[in-house]
Amino acid sequence: MIRDGTGFVTFPVKYQCVVFRPFKGEILEAVVTMVNKMGFFAEAGPVQIFVSNHLIPDDMEFQSGDAPNYTTSDGSVKIQKDSEVRLKIIGTRVDATEIFCIGTIKDDFLGVINDPAST
């Protein structure tokens, strides 16, 4: 429809969209982007998730060096950059331009699901 006096045109549009908004308690699979002694950061789509070292299982210890990681005492499991992890969202914060979450892997069936070093 043409708006009188302006020359502007208005079009009625119907659309569907897929949105991603994680919620507390949701289980996600994410890719680790950075590891430090405070914990690690991971991304699941557009969402950045921080997992504190207090929310990582007690049997995993931080190993510093060229490729910082969290490793189990027997060395069988390693969380490092580009590892895929399954985690649980325990808190969210929404800003104008991004969503930031706090997660945990200190629960049953959570943790590393794919280690890039093993391939």
PDB file of N, CA and C in Angstrom:
ATOM      1  N   MET A   1       0.837  -1.165   0.000  1.00  0.00           N
ATOM      2  CA  MET A   1       0.000   0.000   0.000  1.00  0.00           C
ATOM      3  C   MET A   1       0.894   1.245   0.000  1.00  0.00           C
ATOM      4  N   ILE A   2       0.514   2.226  -0.754  1.00  0.00           N
ATOM      5  CA  ILE A   2       1.277   3.471  -0.870  1.00  0.00           C
ATOM      6  C   ILE A   2       0.764   4.449   0.185  1.00  0.00           C
ATOM      7  N   ARG A   3       1.692   5.054   0.915  1.00  0.00           N
ATOM      8  CA  ARG A   3       1.317   6.007   1.961  1.00  0.00           C
ATOM      9  C   ARG A   3       1.104   7.382   1.338  1.00  0.00           C
ATOM     10  N   ASP A   4      -0.001   7.986   1.664  1.00  0.00           N
ATOM     11  CA  ASP A   4      -0.347   9.290   1.101  1.00  0.00           C
ATOM     12  C   ASP A   4       0.659  10.357   1.508  1.00  0.00           C
ATOM     13  N   GLY A   5       1.062  11.168   0.556  1.00  0.00           N
ATOM     14  CA  GLY A   5       1.907  12.321   0.813  1.00  0.00           C
ATOM     15  C   GLY A   5       3.387  12.015   0.986  1.00  0.00           C
ATOM     16  N   THR A   6       3.766  10.741   1.074  1.00  0.00           N
ATOM     17  CA  THR A   6       5.185  10.432   1.290  1.00  0.00           C
ATOM     18  C   THR A   6       5.804   9.665   0.131  1.00  0.00           C
ATOM     19  N   GLY A   7       5.013   8.885  -0.549  1.00  0.00           N
ATOM     20  CA  GLY A   7       5.560   8.045  -1.607  1.00  0.00           C
ATOM     21  C   GLY A   7       6.141   6.741  -1.070  1.00  0.00           C
ATOM     22  N   PHE A   8       6.122   6.587   0.261  1.00  0.00           N
ATOM     23  CA  PHE A   8       6.615   5.336   0.853  1.00  0.00           C
ATOM     24  C   PHE A   8       5.615   4.217   0.601  1.00  0.00           C
ATOM     25  N   VAL A   9       6.144   3.011   0.515  1.00  0.00           N
ATOM     26  CA  VAL A   9       5.302   1.845   0.294  1.00  0.00           C
ATOM     27  C   VAL A   9       5.435   0.913   1.494  1.00  0.00           C
ATOM     28  N   THR A  10       4.311   0.399   1.962  1.00  0.00           N
ATOM     29  CA  THR A  10       4.299  -0.559   3.061  1.00  0.00           C
ATOM     30  C   THR A  10       3.835  -1.905   2.524  1.00  0.00           C
ATOM     31  N   PHE A  11       4.610  -2.947   2.844  1.00  0.00           N
ATOM     32  CA  PHE A  11       4.271  -4.294   2.406  1.00  0.00           C
ATOM     33  C   PHE A  11       3.957  -5.162   3.619  1.00  0.00           C
ATOM     34  N   PRO A  12       2.820  -5.831   3.635  1.00  0.00           N
ATOM     35  CA  PRO A  12       2.583  -6.812   4.703  1.00  0.00           C
ATOM     36  C   PRO A  12       3.420  -8.066   4.403  1.00  0.00           C
ATOM     37  N   VAL A  13       4.156  -8.522   5.400  1.00  0.00           N
ATOM     38  CA  VAL A  13       5.038  -9.670   5.210  1.00  0.00           C
ATOM     39  C   VAL A  13       4.788 -10.679   6.320  1.00  0.00           C
ATOM     40  N   LYS A  14       4.669 -11.949   5.958  1.00  0.00           N
ATOM     41  CA  LYS A  14       4.596 -13.028   6.937  1.00  0.00           C
ATOM     42  C   LYS A  14       5.912 -13.783   6.867  1.00  0.00           C
ATOM     43  N   TYR A  15       6.460 -14.132   8.024  1.00  0.00           N
ATOM     44  CA  TYR A  15       7.724 -14.867   8.034  1.00  0.00           C
ATOM     45  C   TYR A  15       7.803 -15.768   9.255  1.00  0.00           C
ATOM     46  N   GLN A  16       8.691 -16.724   9.164  1.00  0.00           N
ATOM     47  CA  GLN A  16       9.009 -17.592  10.284  1.00  0.00           C
ATOM     48  C   GLN A  16      10.504 -17.501  10.508  1.00  0.00           C
ATOM     49  N   CYS A  17      10.925 -17.626  11.750  1.00  0.00           N
ATOM     50  CA  CYS A  17      12.359 -17.592  12.016  1.00  0.00           C
ATOM     51  C   CYS A  17      12.703 -18.603  13.103  1.00  0.00           C
ATOM     52  N   VAL A  18      13.932 -19.028  13.071  1.00  0.00           N
ATOM     53  CA  VAL A  18      14.446 -19.929  14.087  1.00  0.00           C
ATOM     54  C   VAL A  18      15.317 -19.093  15.014  1.00  0.00           C
ATOM     55  N   VAL A  19      15.038 -19.158  16.298  1.00  0.00           N
ATOM     56  CA  VAL A  19      15.810 -18.376  17.261  1.00  0.00           C
ATOM     57  C   VAL A  19      16.539 -19.322  18.210  1.00  0.00           C
ATOM     58  N   PHE A  20      17.609 -18.832  18.778  1.00  0.00           N
ATOM     59  CA  PHE A  20      18.395 -19.624  19.716  1.00  0.00           C
ATOM     60  C   PHE A  20      18.574 -18.811  20.978  1.00  0.00           C
ATOM     61  N   ARG A  21      17.900 -19.236  22.023  1.00  0.00           N
ATOM     62  CA  ARG A  21      18.037 -18.574  23.319  1.00  0.00           C
ATOM     63  C   ARG A  21      18.144 -19.656  24.389  1.00  0.00           C
ATOM     64  N   PRO A  22      19.357 -19.916  24.842  1.00  0.00           N
ATOM     65  CA  PRO A  22      19.529 -20.975  25.834  1.00  0.00           C
ATOM     66  C   PRO A  22      18.880 -20.609  27.167  1.00  0.00           C
ATOM     67  N   PHE A  23      18.478 -21.624  27.906  1.00  0.00           N
ATOM     68  CA  PHE A  23      17.846 -21.387  29.195  1.00  0.00           C
ATOM     69  C   PHE A  23      18.540 -22.206  30.278  1.00  0.00           C
ATOM     70  N   LYS A  24      18.342 -21.808  31.504  1.00  0.00           N
ATOM     71  CA  LYS A  24      18.960 -22.473  32.650  1.00  0.00           C
ATOM     72  C   LYS A  24      18.534 -23.941  32.686  1.00  0.00           C
ATOM     73  N   GLY A  25      19.521 -24.826  32.826  1.00  0.00           N
ATOM     74  CA  GLY A  25      19.250 -26.259  32.859  1.00  0.00           C
ATOM     75  C   GLY A  25      19.369 -26.945  31.511  1.00  0.00           C
ATOM     76  N   GLU A  26      19.515 -26.177  30.436  1.00  0.00           N
ATOM     77  CA  GLU A  26      19.625 -26.756  29.094  1.00  0.00           C
ATOM     78  C   GLU A  26      20.998 -27.402  28.905  1.00  0.00           C
ATOM     79  N   ILE A  27      21.021 -28.536  28.213  1.00  0.00           N
ATOM     80  CA  ILE A  27      22.259 -29.234  27.880  1.00  0.00           C
ATOM     81  C   ILE A  27      22.632 -28.849  26.452  1.00  0.00           C
ATOM     82  N   LEU A  28      23.876 -28.380  26.264  1.00  0.00           N
ATOM     83  CA  LEU A  28      24.354 -27.963  24.943  1.00  0.00           C
ATOM     84  C   LEU A  28      25.669 -28.648  24.617  1.00  0.00           C
ATOM     85  N   GLU A  29      25.944 -28.765  23.331  1.00  0.00           N
ATOM     86  CA  GLU A  29      27.260 -29.185  22.871  1.00  0.00           C
ATOM     87  C   GLU A  29      27.954 -27.945  22.346  1.00  0.00           C
ATOM     88  N   ALA A  30      29.205 -27.733  22.774  1.00  0.00           N
ATOM     89  CA  ALA A  30      29.934 -26.509  22.438  1.00  0.00           C
ATOM     90  C   ALA A  30      31.381 -26.840  22.103  1.00  0.00           C
ATOM     91  N   VAL A  31      32.051 -25.882  21.455  1.00  0.00           N
ATOM     92  CA  VAL A  31      33.461 -26.023  21.093  1.00  0.00           C
ATOM     93  C   VAL A  31      34.278 -25.089  21.982  1.00  0.00           C
ATOM     94  N   VAL A  32      35.314 -25.633  22.607  1.00  0.00           N
ATOM     95  CA  VAL A  32      36.176 -24.858  23.501  1.00  0.00           C
ATOM     96  C   VAL A  32      37.005 -23.877  22.677  1.00  0.00           C
ATOM     97  N   THR A  33      36.985 -22.601  23.073  1.00  0.00           N
ATOM     98  CA  THR A  33      37.729 -21.570  22.340  1.00  0.00           C
ATOM     99  C   THR A  33      38.952 -21.077  23.092  1.00  0.00           C
ATOM    100  N   MET A  34      38.939 -21.188  24.439  1.00  0.00           N
ATOM    101  CA  MET A  34      40.081 -20.728  25.223  1.00  0.00           C
ATOM    102  C   MET A  34      40.098 -21.455  26.566  1.00  0.00           C
ATOM    103  N   VAL A  35      41.299 -21.825  27.007  1.00  0.00           N
ATOM    104  CA  VAL A  35      41.467 -22.500  28.294  1.00  0.00           C
ATOM    105  C   VAL A  35      42.465 -21.701  29.122  1.00  0.00           C
ATOM    106  N   ASN A  36      42.124 -21.433  30.386  1.00  0.00           N
ATOM    107  CA  ASN A  36      43.074 -20.799  31.310  1.00  0.00           C
ATOM    108  C   ASN A  36      42.857 -21.365  32.708  1.00  0.00           C
ATOM    109  N   LYS A  37      43.652 -20.910  33.672  1.00  0.00           N
ATOM    110  CA  LYS A  37      43.577 -21.489  35.018  1.00  0.00           C
ATOM    111  C   LYS A  37      42.255 -21.197  35.720  1.00  0.00           C
ATOM    112  N   MET A  38      41.505 -20.208  35.240  1.00  0.00           N
ATOM    113  CA  MET A  38      40.208 -19.877  35.835  1.00  0.00           C
ATOM    114  C   MET A  38      39.083 -20.775  35.323  1.00  0.00           C
ATOM    115  N   GLY A  39      39.308 -21.463  34.193  1.00  0.00           N
ATOM    116  CA  GLY A  39      38.294 -22.306  33.580  1.00  0.00           C
ATOM    117  C   GLY A  39      38.470 -22.300  32.076  1.00  0.00           C
ATOM    118  N   PHE A  40      37.372 -22.454  31.340  1.00  0.00           N
ATOM    119  CA  PHE A  40      37.468 -22.373  29.886  1.00  0.00           C
ATOM    120  C   PHE A  40      36.237 -21.700  29.292  1.00  0.00           C
ATOM    121  N   PHE A  41      36.428 -21.130  28.097  1.00  0.00           N
ATOM    122  CA  PHE A  41      35.349 -20.529  27.324  1.00  0.00           C
ATOM    123  C   PHE A  41      35.007 -21.467  26.179  1.00  0.00           C
ATOM    124  N   ALA A  42      33.728 -21.563  25.871  1.00  0.00           N
ATOM    125  CA  ALA A  42      33.276 -22.385  24.753  1.00  0.00           C
ATOM    126  C   ALA A  42      32.183 -21.627  24.012  1.00  0.00           C
ATOM    127  N   GLU A  43      31.952 -22.011  22.765  1.00  0.00           N
ATOM    128  CA  GLU A  43      30.904 -21.386  21.956  1.00  0.00           C
ATOM    129  C   GLU A  43      29.954 -22.444  21.433  1.00  0.00           C
ATOM    130  N   ALA A  44      28.669 -22.137  21.530  1.00  0.00           N
ATOM    131  CA  ALA A  44      27.614 -22.961  20.951  1.00  0.00           C
ATOM    132  C   ALA A  44      26.810 -22.033  20.056  1.00  0.00           C
ATOM    133  N   GLY A  45      27.120 -22.044  18.762  1.00  0.00           N
ATOM    134  CA  GLY A  45      26.498 -21.084  17.856  1.00  0.00           C
ATOM    135  C   GLY A  45      26.933 -19.682  18.232  1.00  0.00           C
ATOM    136  N   PRO A  46      25.982 -18.752  18.403  1.00  0.00           N
ATOM    137  CA  PRO A  46      26.346 -17.368  18.731  1.00  0.00           C
ATOM    138  C   PRO A  46      26.589 -17.132  20.224  1.00  0.00           C
ATOM    139  N   VAL A  47      26.424 -18.153  21.045  1.00  0.00           N
ATOM    140  CA  VAL A  47      26.497 -17.991  22.495  1.00  0.00           C
ATOM    141  C   VAL A  47      27.880 -18.343  23.025  1.00  0.00           C
ATOM    142  N   GLN A  48      28.415 -17.460  23.873  1.00  0.00           N
ATOM    143  CA  GLN A  48      29.683 -17.742  24.542  1.00  0.00           C
ATOM    144  C   GLN A  48      29.370 -18.236  25.953  1.00  0.00           C
ATOM    145  N   ILE A  49      30.042 -19.334  26.350  1.00  0.00           N
ATOM    146  CA  ILE A  49      29.790 -19.976  27.636  1.00  0.00           C
ATOM    147  C   ILE A  49      31.098 -20.067  28.407  1.00  0.00           C
ATOM    148  N   PHE A  50      31.069 -19.670  29.681  1.00  0.00           N
ATOM    149  CA  PHE A  50      32.241 -19.812  30.543  1.00  0.00           C
ATOM    150  C   PHE A  50      31.984 -20.925  31.544  1.00  0.00           C
ATOM    151  N   VAL A  51      32.953 -21.831  31.669  1.00  0.00           N
ATOM    152  CA  VAL A  51      32.894 -22.896  32.664  1.00  0.00           C
ATOM    153  C   VAL A  51      34.046 -22.660  33.635  1.00  0.00           C
ATOM    154  N   SER A  52      33.714 -22.308  34.867  1.00  0.00           N
ATOM    155  CA  SER A  52      34.715 -22.033  35.899  1.00  0.00           C
ATOM    156  C   SER A  52      35.430 -23.321  36.302  1.00  0.00           C
ATOM    157  N   ASN A  53      36.659 -23.180  36.808  1.00  0.00           N
ATOM    158  CA  ASN A  53      37.389 -24.364  37.267  1.00  0.00           C
ATOM    159  C   ASN A  53      36.673 -25.041  38.442  1.00  0.00           C
ATOM    160  N   HIS A  54      35.802 -24.321  39.141  1.00  0.00           N
ATOM    161  CA  HIS A  54      35.012 -24.906  40.226  1.00  0.00           C
ATOM    162  C   HIS A  54      33.872 -25.767  39.690  1.00  0.00           C
ATOM    163  N   LEU A  55      33.567 -25.615  38.400  1.00  0.00           N
ATOM    164  CA  LEU A  55      32.481 -26.367  37.771  1.00  0.00           C
ATOM    165  C   LEU A  55      33.016 -27.422  36.806  1.00  0.00           C
ATOM    166  N   ILE A  56      34.298 -27.735  36.960  1.00  0.00           N
ATOM    167  CA  ILE A  56      34.968 -28.804  36.225  1.00  0.00           C
ATOM    168  C   ILE A  56      35.208 -29.921  37.237  1.00  0.00           C
ATOM    169  N   PRO A  57      35.053 -31.196  36.859  1.00  0.00           N
ATOM    170  CA  PRO A  57      35.243 -32.287  37.831  1.00  0.00           C
ATOM    171  C   PRO A  57      36.559 -32.173  38.602  1.00  0.00           C
ATOM    172  N   ASP A  58      36.517 -32.579  39.865  1.00  0.00           N
ATOM    173  CA  ASP A  58      37.670 -32.452  40.761  1.00  0.00           C
ATOM    174  C   ASP A  58      38.882 -33.258  40.314  1.00  0.00           C
ATOM    175  N   ASP A  59      38.666 -34.325  39.532  1.00  0.00           N
ATOM    176  CA  ASP A  59      39.801 -35.142  39.097  1.00  0.00           C
ATOM    177  C   ASP A  59      40.550 -34.541  37.904  1.00  0.00           C
ATOM    178  N   MET A  60      40.106 -33.374  37.425  1.00  0.00           N
ATOM    179  CA  MET A  60      40.792 -32.715  36.306  1.00  0.00           C
ATOM    180  C   MET A  60      41.621 -31.551  36.834  1.00  0.00           C
ATOM    181  N   GLU A  61      42.864 -31.472  36.387  1.00  0.00           N
ATOM    182  CA  GLU A  61      43.766 -30.407  36.823  1.00  0.00           C
ATOM    183  C   GLU A  61      44.230 -29.586  35.636  1.00  0.00           C
ATOM    184  N   PHE A  62      44.458 -28.295  35.894  1.00  0.00           N
ATOM    185  CA  PHE A  62      44.938 -27.390  34.849  1.00  0.00           C
ATOM    186  C   PHE A  62      46.409 -27.669  34.557  1.00  0.00           C
ATOM    187  N   GLN A  63      46.742 -27.747  33.284  1.00  0.00           N
ATOM    188  CA  GLN A  63      48.121 -27.929  32.825  1.00  0.00           C
ATOM    189  C   GLN A  63      48.467 -26.717  31.970  1.00  0.00           C
ATOM    190  N   SER A  64      49.440 -25.923  32.399  1.00  0.00           N
ATOM    191  CA  SER A  64      49.835 -24.753  31.610  1.00  0.00           C
ATOM    192  C   SER A  64      50.866 -25.180  30.572  1.00  0.00           C
ATOM    193  N   GLY A  65      51.200 -24.264  29.696  1.00  0.00           N
ATOM    194  CA  GLY A  65      52.182 -24.549  28.652  1.00  0.00           C
ATOM    195  C   GLY A  65      51.738 -23.962  27.339  1.00  0.00           C
ATOM    196  N   ASP A  66      52.306 -24.476  26.243  1.00  0.00           N
ATOM    197  CA  ASP A  66      51.951 -23.973  24.911  1.00  0.00           C
ATOM    198  C   ASP A  66      50.481 -24.214  24.585  1.00  0.00           C
ATOM    199  N   ALA A  67      49.947 -25.351  25.035  1.00  0.00           N
ATOM    200  CA  ALA A  67      48.537 -25.679  24.805  1.00  0.00           C
ATOM    201  C   ALA A  67      47.888 -25.943  26.160  1.00  0.00           C
ATOM    202  N   PRO A  68      47.453 -24.881  26.863  1.00  0.00           N
ATOM    203  CA  PRO A  68      46.853 -25.077  28.184  1.00  0.00           C
ATOM    204  C   PRO A  68      45.632 -25.990  28.101  1.00  0.00           C
ATOM    205  N   ASN A  69      45.453 -26.832  29.122  1.00  0.00           N
ATOM    206  CA  ASN A  69      44.341 -27.776  29.111  1.00  0.00           C
ATOM    207  C   ASN A  69      44.013 -28.230  30.522  1.00  0.00           C
ATOM    208  N   TYR A  70      42.880 -28.886  30.650  1.00  0.00           N
ATOM    209  CA  TYR A  70      42.495 -29.579  31.876  1.00  0.00           C
ATOM    210  C   TYR A  70      42.562 -31.061  31.555  1.00  0.00           C
ATOM    211  N   THR A  71      43.308 -31.816  32.373  1.00  0.00           N
ATOM    212  CA  THR A  71      43.535 -33.230  32.115  1.00  0.00           C
ATOM    213  C   THR A  71      43.214 -34.042  33.361  1.00  0.00           C
ATOM    214  N   THR A  72      42.657 -35.244  33.155  1.00  0.00           N
ATOM    215  CA  THR A  72      42.431 -36.151  34.277  1.00  0.00           C
ATOM    216  C   THR A  72      43.771 -36.692  34.753  1.00  0.00           C
ATOM    217  N   SER A  73      43.812 -37.198  35.984  1.00  0.00           N
ATOM    218  CA  SER A  73      45.073 -37.678  36.561  1.00  0.00           C
ATOM    219  C   SER A  73      45.676 -38.824  35.758  1.00  0.00           C
ATOM    220  N   ASP A  74      44.843 -39.642  35.117  1.00  0.00           N
ATOM    221  CA  ASP A  74      45.382 -40.736  34.302  1.00  0.00           C
ATOM    222  C   ASP A  74      45.643 -40.317  32.854  1.00  0.00           C
ATOM    223  N   GLY A  75      45.315 -39.071  32.511  1.00  0.00           N
ATOM    224  CA  GLY A  75      45.578 -38.547  31.169  1.00  0.00           C
ATOM    225  C   GLY A  75      44.611 -39.018  30.102  1.00  0.00           C
ATOM    226  N   SER A  76      43.535 -39.701  30.495  1.00  0.00           N
ATOM    227  CA  SER A  76      42.606 -40.258  29.504  1.00  0.00           C
ATOM    228  C   SER A  76      41.667 -39.216  28.907  1.00  0.00           C
ATOM    229  N   VAL A  77      41.404 -38.134  29.629  1.00  0.00           N
ATOM    230  CA  VAL A  77      40.499 -37.088  29.146  1.00  0.00           C
ATOM    231  C   VAL A  77      41.213 -35.750  29.226  1.00  0.00           C
ATOM    232  N   LYS A  78      41.107 -34.982  28.127  1.00  0.00           N
ATOM    233  CA  LYS A  78      41.777 -33.682  28.072  1.00  0.00           C
ATOM    234  C   LYS A  78      40.832 -32.653  27.456  1.00  0.00           C
ATOM    235  N   ILE A  79      40.697 -31.509  28.131  1.00  0.00           N
ATOM    236  CA  ILE A  79      39.916 -30.391  27.591  1.00  0.00           C
ATOM    237  C   ILE A  79      40.908 -29.331  27.152  1.00  0.00           C
ATOM    238  N   GLN A  80      40.899 -29.030  25.861  1.00  0.00           N
ATOM    239  CA  GLN A  80      41.808 -28.032  25.303  1.00  0.00           C
ATOM    240  C   GLN A  80      41.080 -27.277  24.201  1.00  0.00           C
ATOM    241  N   LYS A  81      41.747 -26.299  23.617  1.00  0.00           N
ATOM    242  CA  LYS A  81      41.149 -25.516  22.531  1.00  0.00           C
ATOM    243  C   LYS A  81      40.689 -26.461  21.427  1.00  0.00           C
ATOM    244  N   ASP A  82      39.507 -26.224  20.898  1.00  0.00           N
ATOM    245  CA  ASP A  82      38.862 -26.992  19.830  1.00  0.00           C
ATOM    246  C   ASP A  82      38.257 -28.318  20.285  1.00  0.00           C
ATOM    247  N   SER A  83      38.332 -28.649  21.582  1.00  0.00           N
ATOM    248  CA  SER A  83      37.632 -29.834  22.084  1.00  0.00           C
ATOM    249  C   SER A  83      36.132 -29.570  22.034  1.00  0.00           C
ATOM    250  N   GLU A  84      35.360 -30.616  21.769  1.00  0.00           N
ATOM    251  CA  GLU A  84      33.909 -30.508  21.831  1.00  0.00           C
ATOM    252  C   GLU A  84      33.460 -31.030  23.189  1.00  0.00           C
ATOM    253  N   VAL A  85      32.639 -30.243  23.873  1.00  0.00           N
ATOM    254  CA  VAL A  85      32.169 -30.616  25.204  1.00  0.00           C
ATOM    255  C   VAL A  85      30.648 -30.557  25.277  1.00  0.00           C
ATOM    256  N   ARG A  86      30.095 -31.422  26.107  1.00  0.00           N
ATOM    257  CA  ARG A  86      28.667 -31.354  26.428  1.00  0.00           C
ATOM    258  C   ARG A  86      28.584 -30.717  27.807  1.00  0.00           C
ATOM    259  N   LEU A  87      27.814 -29.629  27.924  1.00  0.00           N
ATOM    260  CA  LEU A  87      27.732 -28.904  29.189  1.00  0.00           C
ATOM    261  C   LEU A  87      26.300 -28.527  29.516  1.00  0.00           C
ATOM    262  N   LYS A  88      26.112 -28.120  30.753  1.00  0.00           N
ATOM    263  CA  LYS A  88      24.791 -27.718  31.235  1.00  0.00           C
ATOM    264  C   LYS A  88      24.832 -26.240  31.591  1.00  0.00           C
ATOM    265  N   ILE A  89      23.863 -25.492  31.105  1.00  0.00           N
ATOM    266  CA  ILE A  89      23.757 -24.058  31.393  1.00  0.00           C
ATOM    267  C   ILE A  89      23.203 -23.882  32.810  1.00  0.00           C
ATOM    268  N   ILE A  90      23.920 -23.097  33.635  1.00  0.00           N
ATOM    269  CA  ILE A  90      23.424 -22.841  34.996  1.00  0.00           C
ATOM    270  C   ILE A  90      23.070 -21.372  35.215  1.00  0.00           C
ATOM    271  N   GLY A  91      23.382 -20.524  34.221  1.00  0.00           N
ATOM    272  CA  GLY A  91      23.028 -19.110  34.323  1.00  0.00           C
ATOM    273  C   GLY A  91      23.199 -18.416  32.986  1.00  0.00           C
ATOM    274  N   THR A  92      22.410 -17.377  32.743  1.00  0.00           N
ATOM    275  CA  THR A  92      22.500 -16.620  31.487  1.00  0.00           C
ATOM    276  C   THR A  92      22.469 -15.126  31.767  1.00  0.00           C
ATOM    277  N   ARG A  93      23.065 -14.370  30.850  1.00  0.00           N
ATOM    278  CA  ARG A  93      23.000 -12.907  30.879  1.00  0.00           C
ATOM    279  C   ARG A  93      22.805 -12.446  29.441  1.00  0.00           C
ATOM    280  N   VAL A  94      21.833 -11.581  29.225  1.00  0.00           N
ATOM    281  CA  VAL A  94      21.535 -11.088  27.883  1.00  0.00           C
ATOM    282  C   VAL A  94      21.877  -9.611  27.812  1.00  0.00           C
ATOM    283  N   ASP A  95      22.785  -9.253  26.893  1.00  0.00           N
ATOM    284  CA  ASP A  95      23.102  -7.858  26.614  1.00  0.00           C
ATOM    285  C   ASP A  95      22.372  -7.456  25.338  1.00  0.00           C
ATOM    286  N   ALA A  96      22.560  -6.222  24.920  1.00  0.00           N
ATOM    287  CA  ALA A  96      21.903  -5.738  23.707  1.00  0.00           C
ATOM    288  C   ALA A  96      22.357  -6.502  22.469  1.00  0.00           C
ATOM    289  N   THR A  97      23.618  -6.931  22.450  1.00  0.00           N
ATOM    290  CA  THR A  97      24.146  -7.551  21.231  1.00  0.00           C
ATOM    291  C   THR A  97      24.570  -9.003  21.384  1.00  0.00           C
ATOM    292  N   GLU A  98      24.607  -9.544  22.618  1.00  0.00           N
ATOM    293  CA  GLU A  98      25.042 -10.931  22.769  1.00  0.00           C
ATOM    294  C   GLU A  98      24.437 -11.592  24.000  1.00  0.00           C
ATOM    295  N   ILE A  99      24.500 -12.921  23.992  1.00  0.00           N
ATOM    296  CA  ILE A  99      24.059 -13.718  25.125  1.00  0.00           C
ATOM    297  C   ILE A  99      25.295 -14.391  25.708  1.00  0.00           C
ATOM    298  N   PHE A 100      25.451 -14.322  27.018  1.00  0.00           N
ATOM    299  CA  PHE A 100      26.595 -14.926  27.687  1.00  0.00           C
ATOM    300  C   PHE A 100      26.064 -15.886  28.743  1.00  0.00           C
ATOM    301  N   CYS A 101      26.683 -17.064  28.851  1.00  0.00           N
ATOM    302  CA  CYS A 101      26.203 -18.082  29.781  1.00  0.00           C
ATOM    303  C   CYS A 101      27.317 -18.595  30.680  1.00  0.00           C
ATOM    304  N   ILE A 102      26.913 -19.123  31.818  1.00  0.00           N
ATOM    305  CA  ILE A 102      27.797 -19.855  32.721  1.00  0.00           C
ATOM    306  C   ILE A 102      27.355 -21.308  32.642  1.00  0.00           C
ATOM    307  N   GLY A 103      28.335 -22.206  32.516  1.00  0.00           N
ATOM    308  CA  GLY A 103      28.009 -23.621  32.387  1.00  0.00           C
ATOM    309  C   GLY A 103      28.795 -24.481  33.353  1.00  0.00           C
ATOM    310  N   THR A 104      28.425 -25.757  33.396  1.00  0.00           N
ATOM    311  CA  THR A 104      29.129 -26.736  34.214  1.00  0.00           C
ATOM    312  C   THR A 104      29.299 -28.032  33.436  1.00  0.00           C
ATOM    313  N   ILE A 105      30.380 -28.739  33.730  1.00  0.00           N
ATOM    314  CA  ILE A 105      30.545 -30.098  33.213  1.00  0.00           C
ATOM    315  C   ILE A 105      30.691 -31.060  34.393  1.00  0.00           C
ATOM    316  N   LYS A 106      30.344 -30.583  35.579  1.00  0.00           N
ATOM    317  CA  LYS A 106      30.479 -31.366  36.811  1.00  0.00           C
ATOM    318  C   LYS A 106      29.156 -32.070  37.110  1.00  0.00           C
ATOM    319  N   ASP A 107      28.715 -32.898  36.176  1.00  0.00           N
ATOM    320  CA  ASP A 107      27.452 -33.604  36.304  1.00  0.00           C
ATOM    321  C   ASP A 107      27.541 -34.874  35.472  1.00  0.00           C
ATOM    322  N   ASP A 108      26.641 -35.804  35.696  1.00  0.00           N
ATOM    323  CA  ASP A 108      26.649 -37.050  34.933  1.00  0.00           C
ATOM    324  C   ASP A 108      26.425 -36.785  33.449  1.00  0.00           C
ATOM    325  N   PHE A 109      27.142 -37.526  32.621  1.00  0.00           N
ATOM    326  CA  PHE A 109      27.015 -37.510  31.161  1.00  0.00           C
ATOM    327  C   PHE A 109      27.459 -36.200  30.514  1.00  0.00           C
ATOM    328  N   LEU A 110      28.199 -35.356  31.247  1.00  0.00           N
ATOM    329  CA  LEU A 110      28.725 -34.113  30.699  1.00  0.00           C
ATOM    330  C   LEU A 110      30.235 -34.233  30.564  1.00  0.00           C
ATOM    331  N   GLY A 111      30.829 -33.394  29.712  1.00  0.00           N
ATOM    332  CA  GLY A 111      32.282 -33.379  29.549  1.00  0.00           C
ATOM    333  C   GLY A 111      32.681 -33.472  28.093  1.00  0.00           C
ATOM    334  N   VAL A 112      33.894 -33.932  27.854  1.00  0.00           N
ATOM    335  CA  VAL A 112      34.440 -33.993  26.497  1.00  0.00           C
ATOM    336  C   VAL A 112      33.698 -35.050  25.686  1.00  0.00           C
ATOM    337  N   ILE A 113      33.273 -34.674  24.474  1.00  0.00           N
ATOM    338  CA  ILE A 113      32.656 -35.644  23.569  1.00  0.00           C
ATOM    339  C   ILE A 113      33.520 -35.881  22.340  1.00  0.00           C
ATOM    340  N   ASN A 114      34.464 -34.962  22.079  1.00  0.00           N
ATOM    341  CA  ASN A 114      35.386 -35.144  20.959  1.00  0.00           C
ATOM    342  C   ASN A 114      36.651 -34.355  21.252  1.00  0.00           C
ATOM    343  N   ASP A 115      37.776 -35.053  21.289  1.00  0.00           N
ATOM    344  CA  ASP A 115      39.069 -34.429  21.568  1.00  0.00           C
ATOM    345  C   ASP A 115      39.856 -34.335  20.268  1.00  0.00           C
ATOM    346  N   PRO A 116      40.198 -33.111  19.814  1.00  0.00           N
ATOM    347  CA  PRO A 116      40.918 -32.976  18.541  1.00  0.00           C
ATOM    348  C   PRO A 116      42.299 -33.620  18.569  1.00  0.00           C
ATOM    349  N   ALA A 117      42.888 -33.772  19.740  1.00  0.00           N
ATOM    350  CA  ALA A 117      44.224 -34.369  19.839  1.00  0.00           C
ATOM    351  C   ALA A 117      44.191 -35.869  19.568  1.00  0.00           C
ATOM    352  N   SER A 118      43.026 -36.500  19.762  1.00  0.00           N
ATOM    353  CA  SER A 118      42.938 -37.947  19.578  1.00  0.00           C
ATOM    354  C   SER A 118      42.701 -38.337  18.127  1.00  0.00           C
ATOM    355  N   THR A 119      42.433 -37.369  17.248  1.00  0.00           N
ATOM    356  CA  THR A 119      42.185 -37.697  15.837  1.00  0.00           C
ATOM    357  C   THR A 119      43.437 -37.575  15.016  1.00  0.00           C
TER     358      THR A 119
END
